[in-house]
Amino acid sequence: MVGEEVIRRLYNDIHALPSEQSRIIRLSIAGFKGAEIARRLGISINTVKTQKYRGYRSLRLKLSKFFFLFSSLFALLTGLK
């Protein structure tokens, strides 16, 4: 149940990224390498690297806040028993 919520949250956050970052992250998750992503999207490999870095950084920040809130709530709830 919790794992499904994390995955759902991750995909929602990916789709909320700027469109180029979202496309690059989704292609990366699908297994495409940087050069192939660049070729498919008609952009430079450096653009792929930059946008991928920015996208993953944004996701890390969003998910770290989510996990902090989740772990805080879990600690609070388990402390009440």
PDB file of N, CA and C in Angstrom:
ATOM      1  N   MET A   1       0.827  -1.187   0.000  1.00  0.00           N
ATOM      2  CA  MET A   1       0.000   0.000   0.000  1.00  0.00           C
ATOM      3  C   MET A   1       0.876   1.258   0.000  1.00  0.00           C
ATOM      4  N   VAL A   2       1.841   1.320   0.904  1.00  0.00           N
ATOM      5  CA  VAL A   2       2.708   2.488   0.977  1.00  0.00           C
ATOM      6  C   VAL A   2       3.557   2.588  -0.287  1.00  0.00           C
ATOM      7  N   GLY A   3       4.065   1.454  -0.775  1.00  0.00           N
ATOM      8  CA  GLY A   3       4.871   1.440  -1.990  1.00  0.00           C
ATOM      9  C   GLY A   3       4.097   1.958  -3.190  1.00  0.00           C
ATOM     10  N   GLU A   4       2.818   1.588  -3.287  1.00  0.00           N
ATOM     11  CA  GLU A   4       1.981   2.067  -4.383  1.00  0.00           C
ATOM     12  C   GLU A   4       1.803   3.583  -4.302  1.00  0.00           C
ATOM     13  N   GLU A   5       1.646   4.096  -3.104  1.00  0.00           N
ATOM     14  CA  GLU A   5       1.492   5.542  -2.923  1.00  0.00           C
ATOM     15  C   GLU A   5       2.772   6.278  -3.325  1.00  0.00           C
ATOM     16  N   VAL A   6       3.925   5.716  -2.984  1.00  0.00           N
ATOM     17  CA  VAL A   6       5.203   6.336  -3.351  1.00  0.00           C
ATOM     18  C   VAL A   6       5.357   6.354  -4.869  1.00  0.00           C
ATOM     19  N   ILE A   7       5.046   5.249  -5.525  1.00  0.00           N
ATOM     20  CA  ILE A   7       5.144   5.185  -6.984  1.00  0.00           C
ATOM     21  C   ILE A   7       4.176   6.159  -7.634  1.00  0.00           C
ATOM     22  N   ARG A   8       2.950   6.217  -7.145  1.00  0.00           N
ATOM     23  CA  ARG A   8       1.955   7.154  -7.665  1.00  0.00           C
ATOM     24  C   ARG A   8       2.450   8.589  -7.503  1.00  0.00           C
ATOM     25  N   ARG A   9       2.989   8.880  -6.340  1.00  0.00           N
ATOM     26  CA  ARG A   9       3.511  10.222  -6.075  1.00  0.00           C
ATOM     27  C   ARG A   9       4.679  10.550  -7.005  1.00  0.00           C
ATOM     28  N   LEU A  10       5.569   9.579  -7.212  1.00  0.00           N
ATOM     29  CA  LEU A  10       6.709   9.781  -8.094  1.00  0.00           C
ATOM     30  C   LEU A  10       6.253  10.109  -9.510  1.00  0.00           C
ATOM     31  N   TYR A  11       5.320   9.324 -10.049  1.00  0.00           N
ATOM     32  CA  TYR A  11       4.854   9.581 -11.412  1.00  0.00           C
ATOM     33  C   TYR A  11       4.106  10.908 -11.516  1.00  0.00           C
ATOM     34  N   ASN A  12       3.352  11.274 -10.499  1.00  0.00           N
ATOM     35  CA  ASN A  12       2.692  12.585 -10.502  1.00  0.00           C
ATOM     36  C   ASN A  12       3.727  13.703 -10.506  1.00  0.00           C
ATOM     37  N   ASP A  13       4.776  13.544  -9.713  1.00  0.00           N
ATOM     38  CA  ASP A  13       5.829  14.560  -9.662  1.00  0.00           C
ATOM     39  C   ASP A  13       6.605  14.624 -10.977  1.00  0.00           C
ATOM     40  N   ILE A  14       6.816  13.485 -11.624  1.00  0.00           N
ATOM     41  CA  ILE A  14       7.490  13.480 -12.923  1.00  0.00           C
ATOM     42  C   ILE A  14       6.663  14.254 -13.946  1.00  0.00           C
ATOM     43  N   HIS A  15       5.357  14.012 -13.950  1.00  0.00           N
ATOM     44  CA  HIS A  15       4.490  14.706 -14.911  1.00  0.00           C
ATOM     45  C   HIS A  15       4.351  16.190 -14.596  1.00  0.00           C
ATOM     46  N   ALA A  16       4.629  16.590 -13.366  1.00  0.00           N
ATOM     47  CA  ALA A  16       4.553  18.001 -12.985  1.00  0.00           C
ATOM     48  C   ALA A  16       5.820  18.776 -13.348  1.00  0.00           C
ATOM     49  N   LEU A  17       6.882  18.068 -13.733  1.00  0.00           N
ATOM     50  CA  LEU A  17       8.123  18.736 -14.142  1.00  0.00           C
ATOM     51  C   LEU A  17       7.887  19.503 -15.448  1.00  0.00           C
ATOM     52  N   PRO A  18       8.757  20.462 -15.762  1.00  0.00           N
ATOM     53  CA  PRO A  18       8.683  21.074 -17.093  1.00  0.00           C
ATOM     54  C   PRO A  18       8.709  19.986 -18.163  1.00  0.00           C
ATOM     55  N   SER A  19       8.027  20.218 -19.274  1.00  0.00           N
ATOM     56  CA  SER A  19       7.798  19.153 -20.262  1.00  0.00           C
ATOM     57  C   SER A  19       9.078  18.473 -20.755  1.00  0.00           C
ATOM     58  N   GLU A  20      10.131  19.231 -21.036  1.00  0.00           N
ATOM     59  CA  GLU A  20      11.363  18.613 -21.524  1.00  0.00           C
ATOM     60  C   GLU A  20      11.996  17.730 -20.455  1.00  0.00           C
ATOM     61  N   GLN A  21      12.020  18.194 -19.210  1.00  0.00           N
ATOM     62  CA  GLN A  21      12.569  17.386 -18.122  1.00  0.00           C
ATOM     63  C   GLN A  21      11.741  16.117 -17.942  1.00  0.00           C
ATOM     64  N   SER A  22      10.429  16.250 -17.993  1.00  0.00           N
ATOM     65  CA  SER A  22       9.548  15.099 -17.832  1.00  0.00           C
ATOM     66  C   SER A  22       9.799  14.058 -18.921  1.00  0.00           C
ATOM     67  N   ARG A  23       9.891  14.502 -20.167  1.00  0.00           N
ATOM     68  CA  ARG A  23      10.151  13.564 -21.275  1.00  0.00           C
ATOM     69  C   ARG A  23      11.487  12.861 -21.090  1.00  0.00           C
ATOM     70  N   ILE A  24      12.510  13.622 -20.721  1.00  0.00           N
ATOM     71  CA  ILE A  24      13.849  13.042 -20.548  1.00  0.00           C
ATOM     72  C   ILE A  24      13.858  12.037 -19.408  1.00  0.00           C
ATOM     73  N   ILE A  25      13.244  12.374 -18.283  1.00  0.00           N
ATOM     74  CA  ILE A  25      13.196  11.449 -17.135  1.00  0.00           C
ATOM     75  C   ILE A  25      12.431  10.188 -17.509  1.00  0.00           C
ATOM     76  N   ARG A  26      11.290  10.334 -18.185  1.00  0.00           N
ATOM     77  CA  ARG A  26      10.499   9.157 -18.564  1.00  0.00           C
ATOM     78  C   ARG A  26      11.268   8.255 -19.530  1.00  0.00           C
ATOM     79  N   LEU A  27      11.984   8.849 -20.495  1.00  0.00           N
ATOM     80  CA  LEU A  27      12.789   8.036 -21.408  1.00  0.00           C
ATOM     81  C   LEU A  27      13.945   7.367 -20.672  1.00  0.00           C
ATOM     82  N   SER A  28      14.532   8.058 -19.731  1.00  0.00           N
ATOM     83  CA  SER A  28      15.614   7.487 -18.932  1.00  0.00           C
ATOM     84  C   SER A  28      15.115   6.300 -18.112  1.00  0.00           C
ATOM     85  N   ILE A  29      13.963   6.457 -17.479  1.00  0.00           N
ATOM     86  CA  ILE A  29      13.361   5.368 -16.698  1.00  0.00           C
ATOM     87  C   ILE A  29      13.050   4.173 -17.603  1.00  0.00           C
ATOM     88  N   ALA A  30      12.670   4.467 -18.844  1.00  0.00           N
ATOM     89  CA  ALA A  30      12.363   3.395 -19.802  1.00  0.00           C
ATOM     90  C   ALA A  30      13.614   2.680 -20.291  1.00  0.00           C
ATOM     91  N   GLY A  31      14.806   3.185 -19.907  1.00  0.00           N
ATOM     92  CA  GLY A  31      16.038   2.486 -20.234  1.00  0.00           C
ATOM     93  C   GLY A  31      16.867   3.101 -21.341  1.00  0.00           C
ATOM     94  N   PHE A  32      16.439   4.232 -21.872  1.00  0.00           N
ATOM     95  CA  PHE A  32      17.199   4.872 -22.938  1.00  0.00           C
ATOM     96  C   PHE A  32      18.408   5.603 -22.359  1.00  0.00           C
ATOM     97  N   LYS A  33      19.514   5.540 -23.059  1.00  0.00           N
ATOM     98  CA  LYS A  33      20.746   6.230 -22.663  1.00  0.00           C
ATOM     99  C   LYS A  33      20.686   7.671 -23.160  1.00  0.00           C
ATOM    100  N   GLY A  34      21.578   8.507 -22.613  1.00  0.00           N
ATOM    101  CA  GLY A  34      21.583   9.925 -22.935  1.00  0.00           C
ATOM    102  C   GLY A  34      21.657  10.232 -24.423  1.00  0.00           C
ATOM    103  N   ALA A  35      22.543   9.543 -25.132  1.00  0.00           N
ATOM    104  CA  ALA A  35      22.708   9.795 -26.569  1.00  0.00           C
ATOM    105  C   ALA A  35      21.433   9.452 -27.339  1.00  0.00           C
ATOM    106  N   GLU A  36      20.785   8.368 -26.956  1.00  0.00           N
ATOM    107  CA  GLU A  36      19.544   7.964 -27.626  1.00  0.00           C
ATOM    108  C   GLU A  36      18.417   8.965 -27.324  1.00  0.00           C
ATOM    109  N   ILE A  37      18.359   9.438 -26.107  1.00  0.00           N
ATOM    110  CA  ILE A  37      17.357  10.449 -25.743  1.00  0.00           C
ATOM    111  C   ILE A  37      17.591  11.713 -26.564  1.00  0.00           C
ATOM    112  N   ALA A  38      18.842  12.136 -26.661  1.00  0.00           N
ATOM    113  CA  ALA A  38      19.184  13.331 -27.439  1.00  0.00           C
ATOM    114  C   ALA A  38      18.760  13.162 -28.896  1.00  0.00           C
ATOM    115  N   ARG A  39      19.043  12.018 -29.469  1.00  0.00           N
ATOM    116  CA  ARG A  39      18.683  11.764 -30.863  1.00  0.00           C
ATOM    117  C   ARG A  39      17.170  11.763 -31.059  1.00  0.00           C
ATOM    118  N   ARG A  40      16.462  11.081 -30.158  1.00  0.00           N
ATOM    119  CA  ARG A  40      15.002  11.001 -30.268  1.00  0.00           C
ATOM    120  C   ARG A  40      14.330  12.370 -30.147  1.00  0.00           C
ATOM    121  N   LEU A  41      14.869  13.202 -29.252  1.00  0.00           N
ATOM    122  CA  LEU A  41      14.251  14.505 -29.008  1.00  0.00           C
ATOM    123  C   LEU A  41      14.849  15.622 -29.859  1.00  0.00           C
ATOM    124  N   GLY A  42      15.918  15.319 -30.582  1.00  0.00           N
ATOM    125  CA  GLY A  42      16.546  16.316 -31.439  1.00  0.00           C
ATOM    126  C   GLY A  42      17.226  17.431 -30.659  1.00  0.00           C
ATOM    127  N   ILE A  43      17.850  17.057 -29.542  1.00  0.00           N
ATOM    128  CA  ILE A  43      18.555  18.023 -28.694  1.00  0.00           C
ATOM    129  C   ILE A  43      19.969  17.518 -28.440  1.00  0.00           C
ATOM    130  N   SER A  44      20.817  18.372 -27.898  1.00  0.00           N
ATOM    131  CA  SER A  44      22.200  17.960 -27.648  1.00  0.00           C
ATOM    132  C   SER A  44      22.286  17.068 -26.409  1.00  0.00           C
ATOM    133  N   ILE A  45      23.333  16.278 -26.347  1.00  0.00           N
ATOM    134  CA  ILE A  45      23.578  15.422 -25.188  1.00  0.00           C
ATOM    135  C   ILE A  45      23.765  16.268 -23.934  1.00  0.00           C
ATOM    136  N   ASN A  46      24.367  17.450 -24.077  1.00  0.00           N
ATOM    137  CA  ASN A  46      24.542  18.327 -22.913  1.00  0.00           C
ATOM    138  C   ASN A  46      23.202  18.826 -22.380  1.00  0.00           C
ATOM    139  N   THR A  47      22.261  19.091 -23.271  1.00  0.00           N
ATOM    140  CA  THR A  47      20.915  19.482 -22.834  1.00  0.00           C
ATOM    141  C   THR A  47      20.258  18.337 -22.083  1.00  0.00           C
ATOM    142  N   VAL A  48      20.424  17.120 -22.595  1.00  0.00           N
ATOM    143  CA  VAL A  48      19.871  15.945 -21.907  1.00  0.00           C
ATOM    144  C   VAL A  48      20.455  15.844 -20.499  1.00  0.00           C
ATOM    145  N   LYS A  49      21.772  15.955 -20.391  1.00  0.00           N
ATOM    146  CA  LYS A  49      22.430  15.833 -19.088  1.00  0.00           C
ATOM    147  C   LYS A  49      21.953  16.917 -18.128  1.00  0.00           C
ATOM    148  N   THR A  50      21.873  18.150 -18.616  1.00  0.00           N
ATOM    149  CA  THR A  50      21.458  19.265 -17.761  1.00  0.00           C
ATOM    150  C   THR A  50      20.014  19.103 -17.300  1.00  0.00           C
ATOM    151  N   GLN A  51      19.120  18.800 -18.233  1.00  0.00           N
ATOM    152  CA  GLN A  51      17.709  18.676 -17.885  1.00  0.00           C
ATOM    153  C   GLN A  51      17.447  17.449 -17.014  1.00  0.00           C
ATOM    154  N   LYS A  52      18.193  16.394 -17.246  1.00  0.00           N
ATOM    155  CA  LYS A  52      18.066  15.189 -16.419  1.00  0.00           C
ATOM    156  C   LYS A  52      18.515  15.497 -14.989  1.00  0.00           C
ATOM    157  N   TYR A  53      19.642  16.191 -14.857  1.00  0.00           N
ATOM    158  CA  TYR A  53      20.141  16.579 -13.538  1.00  0.00           C
ATOM    159  C   TYR A  53      19.109  17.448 -12.814  1.00  0.00           C
ATOM    160  N   ARG A  54      18.589  18.466 -13.511  1.00  0.00           N
ATOM    161  CA  ARG A  54      17.611  19.368 -12.899  1.00  0.00           C
ATOM    162  C   ARG A  54      16.326  18.626 -12.515  1.00  0.00           C
ATOM    163  N   GLY A  55      15.891  17.728 -13.382  1.00  0.00           N
ATOM    164  CA  GLY A  55      14.679  16.962 -13.098  1.00  0.00           C
ATOM    165  C   GLY A  55      14.840  16.063 -11.884  1.00  0.00           C
ATOM    166  N   TYR A  56      15.938  15.317 -11.838  1.00  0.00           N
ATOM    167  CA  TYR A  56      16.176  14.430 -10.694  1.00  0.00           C
ATOM    168  C   TYR A  56      16.380  15.220  -9.402  1.00  0.00           C
ATOM    169  N   ARG A  57      17.028  16.375  -9.505  1.00  0.00           N
ATOM    170  CA  ARG A  57      17.205  17.220  -8.322  1.00  0.00           C
ATOM    171  C   ARG A  57      15.846  17.671  -7.783  1.00  0.00           C
ATOM    172  N   SER A  58      14.975  18.094  -8.679  1.00  0.00           N
ATOM    173  CA  SER A  58      13.639  18.527  -8.282  1.00  0.00           C
ATOM    174  C   SER A  58      12.853  17.370  -7.648  1.00  0.00           C
ATOM    175  N   LEU A  59      12.940  16.202  -8.262  1.00  0.00           N
ATOM    176  CA  LEU A  59      12.239  15.030  -7.710  1.00  0.00           C
ATOM    177  C   LEU A  59      12.778  14.659  -6.335  1.00  0.00           C
ATOM    178  N   ARG A  60      14.107  14.701  -6.167  1.00  0.00           N
ATOM    179  CA  ARG A  60      14.700  14.389  -4.863  1.00  0.00           C
ATOM    180  C   ARG A  60      14.177  15.325  -3.790  1.00  0.00           C
ATOM    181  N   LEU A  61      14.106  16.615  -4.101  1.00  0.00           N
ATOM    182  CA  LEU A  61      13.620  17.593  -3.125  1.00  0.00           C
ATOM    183  C   LEU A  61      12.163  17.331  -2.766  1.00  0.00           C
ATOM    184  N   LYS A  62      11.335  17.102  -3.788  1.00  0.00           N
ATOM    185  CA  LYS A  62       9.910  16.851  -3.536  1.00  0.00           C
ATOM    186  C   LYS A  62       9.705  15.567  -2.737  1.00  0.00           C
ATOM    187  N   LEU A  63      10.407  14.514  -3.141  1.00  0.00           N
ATOM    188  CA  LEU A  63      10.228  13.230  -2.463  1.00  0.00           C
ATOM    189  C   LEU A  63      10.833  13.228  -1.066  1.00  0.00           C
ATOM    190  N   SER A  64      11.904  13.971  -0.847  1.00  0.00           N
ATOM    191  CA  SER A  64      12.484  14.011   0.495  1.00  0.00           C
ATOM    192  C   SER A  64      11.510  14.683   1.466  1.00  0.00           C
ATOM    193  N   LYS A  65      10.798  15.698   1.006  1.00  0.00           N
ATOM    194  CA  LYS A  65       9.774  16.336   1.842  1.00  0.00           C
ATOM    195  C   LYS A  65       8.647  15.351   2.135  1.00  0.00           C
ATOM    196  N   PHE A  66       8.240  14.592   1.103  1.00  0.00           N
ATOM    197  CA  PHE A  66       7.183  13.604   1.264  1.00  0.00           C
ATOM    198  C   PHE A  66       7.592  12.537   2.282  1.00  0.00           C
ATOM    199  N   PHE A  67       8.821  12.017   2.154  1.00  0.00           N
ATOM    200  CA  PHE A  67       9.287  10.983   3.078  1.00  0.00           C
ATOM    201  C   PHE A  67       9.463  11.526   4.492  1.00  0.00           C
ATOM    202  N   PHE A  68       9.901  12.772   4.618  1.00  0.00           N
ATOM    203  CA  PHE A  68      10.035  13.374   5.936  1.00  0.00           C
ATOM    204  C   PHE A  68       8.666  13.456   6.610  1.00  0.00           C
ATOM    205  N   LEU A  69       7.659  13.934   5.871  1.00  0.00           N
ATOM    206  CA  LEU A  69       6.306  14.019   6.442  1.00  0.00           C
ATOM    207  C   LEU A  69       5.762  12.639   6.773  1.00  0.00           C
ATOM    208  N   PHE A  70       5.990  11.674   5.865  1.00  0.00           N
ATOM    209  CA  PHE A  70       5.519  10.316   6.095  1.00  0.00           C
ATOM    210  C   PHE A  70       6.168   9.708   7.333  1.00  0.00           C
ATOM    211  N   SER A  71       7.494   9.844   7.455  1.00  0.00           N
ATOM    212  CA  SER A  71       8.185   9.253   8.599  1.00  0.00           C
ATOM    213  C   SER A  71       7.799   9.957   9.894  1.00  0.00           C
ATOM    214  N   SER A  72       7.568  11.263   9.833  1.00  0.00           N
ATOM    215  CA  SER A  72       7.128  11.993  11.025  1.00  0.00           C
ATOM    216  C   SER A  72       5.743  11.537  11.462  1.00  0.00           C
ATOM    217  N   LEU A  73       4.843  11.377  10.504  1.00  0.00           N
ATOM    218  CA  LEU A  73       3.500  10.907  10.817  1.00  0.00           C
ATOM    219  C   LEU A  73       3.547   9.483  11.363  1.00  0.00           C
ATOM    220  N   PHE A  74       4.358   8.625  10.751  1.00  0.00           N
ATOM    221  CA  PHE A  74       4.496   7.249  11.211  1.00  0.00           C
ATOM    222  C   PHE A  74       5.018   7.211  12.649  1.00  0.00           C
ATOM    223  N   ALA A  75       6.031   8.020  12.933  1.00  0.00           N
ATOM    224  CA  ALA A  75       6.595   8.059  14.278  1.00  0.00           C
ATOM    225  C   ALA A  75       5.552   8.551  15.286  1.00  0.00           C
ATOM    226  N   LEU A  76       4.797   9.530  14.894  1.00  0.00           N
ATOM    227  CA  LEU A  76       3.748  10.056  15.771  1.00  0.00           C
ATOM    228  C   LEU A  76       2.688   9.002  16.050  1.00  0.00           C
ATOM    229  N   LEU A  77       2.246   8.329  14.999  1.00  0.00           N
ATOM    230  CA  LEU A  77       1.204   7.320  15.143  1.00  0.00           C
ATOM    231  C   LEU A  77       1.686   6.107  15.945  1.00  0.00           C
ATOM    232  N   THR A  78       2.902   5.661  15.705  1.00  0.00           N
ATOM    233  CA  THR A  78       3.393   4.497  16.430  1.00  0.00           C
ATOM    234  C   THR A  78       3.729   4.856  17.879  1.00  0.00           C
ATOM    235  N   GLY A  79       4.015   6.121  18.129  1.00  0.00           N
ATOM    236  CA  GLY A  79       4.285   6.562  19.487  1.00  0.00           C
ATOM    237  C   GLY A  79       3.027   6.655  20.330  1.00  0.00           C
ATOM    238  N   LEU A  80       1.848   6.683  19.677  1.00  0.00           N
ATOM    239  CA  LEU A  80       0.595   6.798  20.410  1.00  0.00           C
ATOM    240  C   LEU A  80       0.086   5.460  20.920  1.00  0.00           C
ATOM    241  N   LYS A  81       0.638   4.359  20.447  1.00  0.00           N
ATOM    242  CA  LYS A  81       0.147   3.032  20.840  1.00  0.00           C
ATOM    243  C   LYS A  81       0.593   2.661  22.219  1.00  0.00           C
TER     244      LYS A  81
END
